[in-house]
Amino acid sequence: MLKKNTLMNRDQVEIVALEQLVPEDHLVRKIEAAIDFSFIYPLVQDMYSSDKGVQALTL
């Protein structure tokens, strides 16, 4: 059943780390442990700006 939000409920803040949301035995964690993805950074570095983030791609 849905509950009506009160002002008190809406003002609450909850901080959750992504690590808490993914179970220890999840497939994504196993892939991360097995594969070193650091090779990707040099391949895509010219697609990012250090001060602006992602640049627009021109196709």
N, C-alpha and C. Protein backbone atom coordinates (compact mmCIF):
# COMPACT_ATOMS: atom_id res chain seq x y z
N MET A 1 0.84 -1.16 0.00
CA MET A 1 0.00 0.00 0.00
C MET A 1 0.89 1.24 0.00
N LEU A 2 0.50 2.25 -0.76
CA LEU A 2 1.24 3.50 -0.78
C LEU A 2 0.85 4.36 0.40
N LYS A 3 1.82 5.04 0.95
CA LYS A 3 1.54 5.93 2.07
C LYS A 3 1.63 7.37 1.59
N LYS A 4 0.84 8.22 2.19
CA LYS A 4 0.87 9.63 1.85
C LYS A 4 2.15 10.24 2.42
N ASN A 5 2.86 10.99 1.57
CA ASN A 5 4.07 11.66 2.04
C ASN A 5 3.70 12.85 2.91
N THR A 6 4.35 12.96 4.03
CA THR A 6 4.15 14.11 4.89
C THR A 6 5.36 15.02 4.72
N LEU A 7 5.24 16.22 5.21
CA LEU A 7 6.36 17.16 5.12
C LEU A 7 7.60 16.59 5.80
N MET A 8 7.40 15.90 6.91
CA MET A 8 8.53 15.34 7.64
C MET A 8 9.24 14.27 6.80
N ASN A 9 8.50 13.42 6.12
CA ASN A 9 9.10 12.38 5.30
C ASN A 9 9.88 12.96 4.12
N ARG A 10 9.41 14.03 3.54
CA ARG A 10 10.07 14.61 2.37
C ARG A 10 11.37 15.32 2.73
N ASP A 11 11.52 15.73 3.96
CA ASP A 11 12.72 16.46 4.37
C ASP A 11 13.87 15.54 4.77
N GLN A 12 13.64 14.25 4.81
CA GLN A 12 14.68 13.32 5.22
C GLN A 12 15.66 13.08 4.09
N VAL A 13 16.91 12.97 4.43
CA VAL A 13 17.97 12.72 3.46
C VAL A 13 18.62 11.39 3.81
N GLU A 14 18.86 10.58 2.79
CA GLU A 14 19.54 9.30 3.01
C GLU A 14 20.73 9.23 2.06
N ILE A 15 21.88 8.97 2.61
CA ILE A 15 23.09 8.85 1.80
C ILE A 15 23.41 7.37 1.65
N VAL A 16 23.47 6.91 0.41
CA VAL A 16 23.72 5.51 0.13
C VAL A 16 24.88 5.42 -0.85
N ALA A 17 25.86 4.60 -0.54
CA ALA A 17 26.99 4.37 -1.44
C ALA A 17 26.62 3.28 -2.43
N LEU A 18 27.10 3.41 -3.64
CA LEU A 18 26.84 2.42 -4.66
C LEU A 18 27.31 1.04 -4.22
N GLU A 19 28.37 1.00 -3.47
CA GLU A 19 28.90 -0.27 -2.94
C GLU A 19 27.86 -1.00 -2.10
N GLN A 20 27.00 -0.26 -1.43
CA GLN A 20 25.97 -0.87 -0.59
C GLN A 20 24.83 -1.46 -1.42
N LEU A 21 24.65 -0.97 -2.63
CA LEU A 21 23.51 -1.38 -3.45
C LEU A 21 23.79 -2.64 -4.27
N VAL A 22 25.06 -2.93 -4.54
CA VAL A 22 25.40 -4.08 -5.37
C VAL A 22 25.86 -5.22 -4.45
N PRO A 23 25.16 -6.36 -4.47
CA PRO A 23 25.55 -7.49 -3.61
C PRO A 23 26.96 -7.99 -3.92
N GLU A 24 27.61 -8.53 -2.91
CA GLU A 24 28.99 -9.01 -3.04
C GLU A 24 29.14 -10.09 -4.11
N ASP A 25 28.13 -10.91 -4.31
CA ASP A 25 28.24 -12.01 -5.28
C ASP A 25 27.64 -11.66 -6.65
N HIS A 26 27.41 -10.39 -6.92
CA HIS A 26 26.80 -9.96 -8.18
C HIS A 26 27.78 -10.15 -9.34
N LEU A 27 27.24 -10.46 -10.51
CA LEU A 27 28.06 -10.69 -11.70
C LEU A 27 28.95 -9.50 -12.04
N VAL A 28 28.45 -8.30 -11.86
CA VAL A 28 29.24 -7.10 -12.16
C VAL A 28 30.51 -7.05 -11.32
N ARG A 29 30.42 -7.42 -10.06
CA ARG A 29 31.61 -7.43 -9.19
C ARG A 29 32.61 -8.49 -9.66
N LYS A 30 32.11 -9.62 -10.11
CA LYS A 30 33.00 -10.68 -10.61
C LYS A 30 33.72 -10.23 -11.88
N ILE A 31 33.00 -9.57 -12.77
CA ILE A 31 33.62 -9.05 -14.01
C ILE A 31 34.66 -8.00 -13.67
N GLU A 32 34.34 -7.09 -12.76
CA GLU A 32 35.28 -6.04 -12.37
C GLU A 32 36.57 -6.64 -11.79
N ALA A 33 36.45 -7.72 -11.04
CA ALA A 33 37.62 -8.35 -10.45
C ALA A 33 38.46 -9.10 -11.48
N ALA A 34 37.81 -9.59 -12.54
CA ALA A 34 38.50 -10.43 -13.52
C ALA A 34 39.13 -9.64 -14.68
N ILE A 35 38.59 -8.46 -14.99
CA ILE A 35 39.05 -7.71 -16.17
C ILE A 35 39.56 -6.34 -15.75
N ASP A 36 40.73 -5.99 -16.25
CA ASP A 36 41.31 -4.67 -16.00
C ASP A 36 40.85 -3.74 -17.13
N PHE A 37 39.94 -2.82 -16.81
CA PHE A 37 39.39 -1.91 -17.81
C PHE A 37 40.20 -0.62 -17.97
N SER A 38 41.35 -0.52 -17.34
CA SER A 38 42.13 0.71 -17.40
C SER A 38 42.63 1.04 -18.82
N PHE A 39 42.65 0.05 -19.71
CA PHE A 39 43.09 0.30 -21.08
C PHE A 39 42.13 1.24 -21.82
N ILE A 40 40.92 1.39 -21.33
CA ILE A 40 39.92 2.21 -22.00
C ILE A 40 40.24 3.70 -21.89
N TYR A 41 40.79 4.14 -20.78
CA TYR A 41 41.02 5.56 -20.55
C TYR A 41 41.85 6.23 -21.64
N PRO A 42 43.00 5.68 -22.04
CA PRO A 42 43.75 6.32 -23.12
C PRO A 42 43.00 6.33 -24.45
N LEU A 43 42.14 5.35 -24.67
CA LEU A 43 41.40 5.28 -25.93
C LEU A 43 40.34 6.37 -26.05
N VAL A 44 39.82 6.84 -24.94
CA VAL A 44 38.74 7.82 -24.97
C VAL A 44 39.13 9.20 -24.44
N GLN A 45 40.38 9.40 -24.09
CA GLN A 45 40.78 10.66 -23.46
C GLN A 45 40.55 11.87 -24.35
N ASP A 46 40.63 11.73 -25.67
CA ASP A 46 40.40 12.87 -26.56
C ASP A 46 38.91 13.19 -26.72
N MET A 47 38.04 12.37 -26.15
CA MET A 47 36.59 12.61 -26.21
C MET A 47 36.09 13.37 -24.99
N TYR A 48 36.98 13.66 -24.04
CA TYR A 48 36.61 14.35 -22.81
C TYR A 48 37.45 15.60 -22.63
N SER A 49 36.87 16.58 -21.98
CA SER A 49 37.57 17.80 -21.64
C SER A 49 37.80 17.80 -20.13
N SER A 50 38.96 18.23 -19.71
CA SER A 50 39.27 18.20 -18.27
C SER A 50 38.43 19.20 -17.48
N ASP A 51 37.93 20.26 -18.13
CA ASP A 51 37.13 21.24 -17.41
C ASP A 51 35.65 21.21 -17.76
N LYS A 52 35.27 20.54 -18.84
CA LYS A 52 33.87 20.53 -19.27
C LYS A 52 33.24 19.15 -19.22
N GLY A 53 34.00 18.11 -19.02
CA GLY A 53 33.45 16.77 -19.03
C GLY A 53 33.34 16.24 -20.44
N VAL A 54 32.23 15.61 -20.75
CA VAL A 54 32.03 14.98 -22.06
C VAL A 54 31.81 16.03 -23.13
N GLN A 55 32.55 15.93 -24.19
CA GLN A 55 32.37 16.84 -25.33
C GLN A 55 31.30 16.25 -26.25
N ALA A 56 30.68 17.12 -27.02
CA ALA A 56 29.67 16.67 -27.98
C ALA A 56 30.37 15.90 -29.09
N LEU A 57 29.82 14.76 -29.45
CA LEU A 57 30.38 13.95 -30.52
C LEU A 57 29.82 14.42 -31.86
N THR A 58 30.68 14.52 -32.84
CA THR A 58 30.21 14.87 -34.17
C THR A 58 30.28 13.61 -35.02
N LEU A 59 29.19 13.26 -35.62
CA LEU A 59 29.12 12.05 -36.44
C LEU A 59 29.13 12.40 -37.90
